[in-house]
Amino acid sequence: MLRVHLFGRFRASGEAGPLTALERRKVQELLGYLAEQLWATSDPLRCRKYLRQSLWRLRCVLDAAGCRDVLQADQEWIGLRPDASLWADTLELERAYARCAAAASRELAPDLVAAAERAVDLCQAPLLDGWYTDWSLLAREQYRAMHLALLDRLMAAAERAGRWEAGLAYGRRALREDPAGERVHVRLMRLHLLSGDRSAALRQFGLCGAALERELGVAPAPETRRLFELIRDGRMVAAAGPLSAAGPGPERALVQLAGAGNGR
């Protein structure tokens, strides 16, 4: 099997071990592009000599690593064989994202949670960190969006399951990717309060406001400020009871105290 890692620094390995002979950036770019796109159409008017040379070097390296019959090419196009034994971290992320997006319920089944957790664990760095080709920049943003979407689903799943610390960890990872993600800040405010840390929930609102001002030049949405005020004034607390009546849930849920602040 050919294994290609595209998140962070480019790495590839075959049956004989790491493909250390892939030291030329152009050859890495060719294999990286094929692994990310699965196929690519070559422009007959551009860089035919470069393409032939890079393809020859790539074939030599793959053959030496025991990864024969991975590439297929003719005069018009080049791609990876559809039946090739290939593993790529980007494909794992895509599959998990597609499965979660197709889930009939917003509440992820345990197997989908596990798949999403495995996928986000692969995203320890941006796609092809340090590469600035047009295709890699576009793909980097696409995978970043998938990563953030999976982290959002995992935060929601952790809140439903009462796994406050796990949810907080997912949220912190999301903010490293997108510090001004207001939705993430709101989820973190809820999770801090559910975990019993009201002060942290209030501090999170301050972090949210600072990030939005720094990154976008805007203030938190009225709904976010309203949540902050409810927590600050003690009108939203963690109380006994499930979050959902559809089945067993966490032992505590956020409850807005009826009539609190009216005439007290």
Protein backbone atom coordinates (compact mmCIF):
# COMPACT_ATOMS: atom_id res chain seq x y z
CA MET A 1 0.00 0.00 0.00
CA LEU A 2 1.12 3.54 -0.77
CA ARG A 3 0.55 5.82 2.24
CA VAL A 4 0.58 9.57 1.65
CA HIS A 5 0.44 12.19 4.42
CA LEU A 6 -0.53 15.64 3.20
CA PHE A 7 -1.38 17.39 6.47
CA GLY A 8 1.75 19.16 7.68
CA ARG A 9 4.97 18.25 5.86
CA PHE A 10 4.64 15.94 2.87
CA ARG A 11 5.44 12.30 3.71
CA ALA A 12 4.97 9.11 1.73
CA SER A 13 5.84 5.49 2.38
CA GLY A 14 5.48 2.13 0.68
CA GLU A 15 6.01 -1.48 1.54
CA ALA A 16 9.77 -0.93 1.77
CA GLY A 17 9.47 2.06 4.09
CA PRO A 18 9.59 5.87 3.68
CA LEU A 19 10.03 7.23 0.15
CA THR A 20 13.12 9.23 1.07
CA ALA A 21 14.13 9.60 -2.59
CA LEU A 22 11.25 12.04 -3.12
CA GLU A 23 13.49 14.99 -2.33
CA ARG A 24 12.59 17.03 -5.40
CA ARG A 25 9.73 19.44 -4.70
CA LYS A 26 8.28 19.09 -8.22
CA VAL A 27 8.01 15.33 -7.84
CA GLN A 28 6.43 15.74 -4.41
CA GLU A 29 3.96 18.23 -5.86
CA LEU A 30 3.00 15.78 -8.61
CA LEU A 31 2.35 12.92 -6.20
CA GLY A 32 0.65 15.25 -3.71
CA TYR A 33 -1.63 16.63 -6.39
CA LEU A 34 -2.57 13.16 -7.60
CA ALA A 35 -3.21 11.92 -4.07
CA GLU A 36 -5.39 14.93 -3.25
CA GLN A 37 -7.28 15.05 -6.54
CA LEU A 38 -7.10 11.30 -7.43
CA TRP A 39 -6.73 12.26 -11.07
CA ALA A 40 -5.57 15.24 -13.08
CA THR A 41 -5.74 16.23 -16.71
CA SER A 42 -2.45 17.46 -18.13
CA ASP A 43 -2.36 20.45 -20.42
CA PRO A 44 -0.63 19.32 -23.63
CA LEU A 45 0.64 22.85 -24.23
CA ARG A 46 2.32 23.33 -20.85
CA CYS A 47 5.34 21.80 -19.20
CA ARG A 48 5.38 18.51 -21.10
CA LYS A 49 9.08 18.09 -20.52
CA TYR A 50 8.74 18.81 -16.79
CA LEU A 51 5.81 16.43 -16.56
CA ARG A 52 7.63 13.58 -18.30
CA GLN A 53 10.70 14.03 -16.11
CA SER A 54 8.72 14.24 -12.88
CA LEU A 55 6.58 11.27 -13.87
CA TRP A 56 9.68 9.19 -14.67
CA ARG A 57 11.29 10.04 -11.32
CA LEU A 58 8.04 9.31 -9.50
CA ARG A 59 7.67 5.92 -11.17
CA CYS A 60 11.24 5.02 -10.22
CA VAL A 61 10.71 5.94 -6.59
CA LEU A 62 7.38 4.12 -6.34
CA ASP A 63 8.77 1.00 -8.00
CA ALA A 64 11.75 0.96 -5.66
CA ALA A 65 9.38 1.25 -2.68
CA GLY A 66 7.31 -1.72 -3.82
CA CYS A 67 4.38 0.44 -4.96
CA ARG A 68 4.15 -0.67 -8.57
CA ASP A 69 1.06 -0.20 -10.72
CA VAL A 70 -0.08 2.85 -8.75
CA LEU A 71 0.12 5.31 -11.65
CA GLN A 72 -1.50 5.10 -15.03
CA ALA A 73 -0.89 7.50 -17.89
CA ASP A 74 -1.14 7.91 -21.61
CA GLN A 75 -0.64 10.76 -24.07
CA GLU A 76 -3.64 12.69 -22.80
CA TRP A 77 -3.83 12.26 -19.04
CA ILE A 78 -2.20 10.98 -15.88
CA GLY A 79 -3.80 9.68 -12.70
CA LEU A 80 -3.83 7.08 -9.97
CA ARG A 81 -5.26 3.69 -10.77
CA PRO A 82 -8.77 3.48 -9.26
CA ASP A 83 -7.98 0.02 -7.90
CA ALA A 84 -4.60 1.05 -6.46
CA SER A 85 -3.97 0.30 -2.80
CA LEU A 86 -3.73 3.84 -1.48
CA TRP A 87 -4.18 5.44 1.93
CA ALA A 88 -4.15 9.22 2.32
CA ASP A 89 -4.99 11.28 5.39
CA THR A 90 -7.02 13.67 3.23
CA LEU A 91 -9.21 10.80 2.03
CA GLU A 92 -9.88 9.77 5.63
CA LEU A 93 -11.01 13.31 6.44
CA GLU A 94 -13.21 13.47 3.34
CA ARG A 95 -14.90 10.16 4.14
CA ALA A 96 -15.61 11.10 7.75
CA TYR A 97 -16.96 14.50 6.68
CA ALA A 98 -19.21 12.93 4.03
CA ARG A 99 -20.56 10.32 6.48
CA CYS A 100 -21.35 12.93 9.13
CA ALA A 101 -22.93 15.28 6.58
CA ALA A 102 -25.17 12.44 5.33
CA ALA A 103 -26.28 11.40 8.82
CA ALA A 104 -30.06 11.56 9.08
CA SER A 105 -29.91 12.93 12.63
CA ARG A 106 -27.91 15.80 14.02
CA GLU A 107 -26.98 13.45 16.86
CA LEU A 108 -24.08 11.36 15.64
CA ALA A 109 -24.07 7.62 16.22
CA PRO A 110 -21.09 6.27 18.19
CA ASP A 111 -19.40 4.90 15.07
CA LEU A 112 -19.62 8.31 13.38
CA VAL A 113 -18.21 10.02 16.46
CA ALA A 114 -15.29 7.58 16.40
CA ALA A 115 -14.72 8.16 12.66
CA ALA A 116 -14.80 11.94 13.14
CA GLU A 117 -12.37 11.71 16.06
CA ARG A 118 -9.92 9.66 13.99
CA ALA A 119 -10.19 12.12 11.12
CA VAL A 120 -9.59 15.28 13.15
CA ASP A 121 -6.62 13.62 14.86
CA LEU A 122 -4.97 13.43 11.42
CA CYS A 123 -5.23 17.22 11.00
CA GLN A 124 -2.35 18.28 13.21
CA ALA A 125 -1.14 20.89 10.70
CA PRO A 126 -2.41 22.66 7.57
CA LEU A 127 -2.45 20.76 4.30
CA LEU A 128 1.03 20.70 2.74
CA ASP A 129 2.35 23.31 5.14
CA GLY A 130 4.83 25.56 3.36
CA TRP A 131 3.50 24.92 -0.15
CA TYR A 132 2.02 27.86 -2.04
CA THR A 133 0.88 26.50 -5.38
CA ASP A 134 -2.59 27.62 -6.41
CA TRP A 135 -4.09 24.14 -6.14
CA SER A 136 -2.60 23.51 -2.69
CA LEU A 137 -3.87 26.84 -1.31
CA LEU A 138 -7.39 26.11 -2.54
CA ALA A 139 -7.33 22.55 -1.23
CA ARG A 140 -5.91 23.75 2.11
CA GLU A 141 -8.91 25.99 2.67
CA GLN A 142 -11.35 23.24 1.68
CA TYR A 143 -9.86 20.75 4.14
CA ARG A 144 -9.71 23.42 6.82
CA ALA A 145 -13.46 23.93 6.42
CA MET A 146 -14.07 20.16 6.68
CA HIS A 147 -11.90 19.98 9.78
CA LEU A 148 -13.79 22.83 11.48
CA ALA A 149 -17.15 21.28 10.56
CA LEU A 150 -16.17 17.96 12.13
CA LEU A 151 -14.92 19.70 15.28
CA ASP A 152 -18.27 21.49 15.54
CA ARG A 153 -20.14 18.18 15.28
CA LEU A 154 -17.84 16.62 17.88
CA MET A 155 -18.41 19.52 20.28
CA ALA A 156 -22.17 19.07 19.94
CA ALA A 157 -21.86 15.30 20.44
CA ALA A 158 -19.70 15.81 23.53
CA GLU A 159 -22.23 18.22 25.02
CA ARG A 160 -25.09 15.78 24.48
CA ALA A 161 -23.08 12.98 26.06
CA GLY A 162 -22.01 15.04 29.04
CA ARG A 163 -18.33 14.86 28.04
CA TRP A 164 -17.59 18.46 28.94
CA GLU A 165 -13.78 18.22 28.91
CA ALA A 166 -13.76 16.52 25.52
CA GLY A 167 -16.02 19.22 24.13
CA LEU A 168 -13.78 21.94 25.54
CA ALA A 169 -10.74 20.29 23.95
CA TYR A 170 -12.44 20.19 20.55
CA GLY A 171 -13.39 23.84 20.92
CA ARG A 172 -9.85 24.91 21.74
CA ARG A 173 -8.62 23.09 18.65
CA ALA A 174 -11.24 24.85 16.52
CA LEU A 175 -10.20 28.26 17.83
CA ARG A 176 -6.59 27.58 16.88
CA GLU A 177 -7.86 27.23 13.31
CA ASP A 178 -10.40 30.07 13.48
CA PRO A 179 -9.95 32.38 16.51
CA ALA A 180 -12.99 34.45 15.49
CA GLY A 181 -15.37 31.49 15.23
CA GLU A 182 -18.24 32.94 17.26
CA ARG A 183 -20.23 29.71 17.17
CA VAL A 184 -17.31 27.91 18.80
CA HIS A 185 -17.01 30.58 21.49
CA VAL A 186 -20.71 30.19 22.30
CA ARG A 187 -20.39 26.42 22.57
CA LEU A 188 -17.39 26.88 24.86
CA MET A 189 -19.37 29.26 27.08
CA ARG A 190 -22.06 26.60 27.43
CA LEU A 191 -19.57 23.81 28.07
CA HIS A 192 -17.70 25.81 30.71
CA LEU A 193 -20.95 26.48 32.53
CA LEU A 194 -22.05 22.85 32.24
CA SER A 195 -18.72 21.74 33.69
CA GLY A 196 -19.35 24.00 36.69
CA ASP A 197 -16.91 26.78 35.78
CA ARG A 198 -19.04 29.93 35.54
CA SER A 199 -15.98 32.21 35.65
CA ALA A 200 -14.48 30.47 32.62
CA ALA A 201 -17.77 30.87 30.74
CA LEU A 202 -17.65 34.62 31.40
CA ARG A 203 -13.99 34.84 30.39
CA GLN A 204 -14.80 33.04 27.15
CA PHE A 205 -17.13 35.87 26.19
CA GLY A 206 -14.26 38.31 26.67
CA LEU A 207 -12.02 36.18 24.47
CA CYS A 208 -14.78 36.04 21.86
CA GLY A 209 -15.17 39.84 21.79
CA ALA A 210 -11.41 40.40 21.55
CA ALA A 211 -11.03 37.88 18.71
CA LEU A 212 -13.94 39.29 16.71
CA GLU A 213 -12.61 42.82 17.07
CA ARG A 214 -9.06 41.80 16.18
CA GLU A 215 -9.90 39.54 13.24
CA LEU A 216 -13.06 41.09 11.80
CA GLY A 217 -13.56 44.48 13.44
CA VAL A 218 -17.02 43.54 14.76
CA ALA A 219 -18.66 42.93 18.12
CA PRO A 220 -20.34 39.70 19.30
CA ALA A 221 -23.86 39.08 18.02
CA PRO A 222 -26.78 40.14 20.26
CA GLU A 223 -27.55 36.47 20.97
CA THR A 224 -24.02 35.89 22.22
CA ARG A 225 -24.17 38.94 24.49
CA ARG A 226 -27.56 37.78 25.76
CA LEU A 227 -26.08 34.43 26.77
CA PHE A 228 -23.25 36.25 28.53
CA GLU A 229 -25.70 38.43 30.45
CA LEU A 230 -27.77 35.44 31.53
CA ILE A 231 -24.66 33.70 32.86
CA ARG A 232 -23.27 36.88 34.45
CA ASP A 233 -26.53 37.68 36.23
CA GLY A 234 -27.01 34.12 37.44
CA ARG A 235 -30.06 33.59 35.28
CA MET A 236 -28.61 30.57 33.49
CA VAL A 237 -27.26 27.71 35.56
CA ALA A 238 -26.39 24.04 35.30
CA ALA A 239 -29.32 22.11 36.72
CA ALA A 240 -30.40 18.48 36.96
CA GLY A 241 -32.12 16.99 33.92
CA PRO A 242 -31.30 15.78 30.42
CA LEU A 243 -30.66 18.11 27.51
CA SER A 244 -33.05 16.14 25.35
CA ALA A 245 -36.23 14.23 26.09
CA ALA A 246 -35.43 11.79 23.29
CA GLY A 247 -33.36 9.56 25.49
CA PRO A 248 -30.72 9.46 28.21
CA GLY A 249 -28.55 12.53 28.36
CA PRO A 250 -26.02 14.26 30.59
CA GLU A 251 -26.86 14.73 34.24
CA ARG A 252 -26.90 18.51 33.95
CA ALA A 253 -28.32 20.92 31.43
CA LEU A 254 -28.41 24.68 30.95
CA VAL A 255 -31.57 26.14 32.39
CA GLN A 256 -32.70 29.75 32.24
CA LEU A 257 -34.35 30.58 35.55
CA ALA A 258 -37.93 31.69 34.91
CA GLY A 259 -38.63 35.20 36.15
CA ALA A 260 -35.10 35.72 37.40
CA GLY A 261 -34.17 39.38 37.51
CA ASN A 262 -37.82 40.55 37.35
CA GLY A 263 -38.60 42.60 40.45
CA ARG A 264 -35.90 40.98 42.61
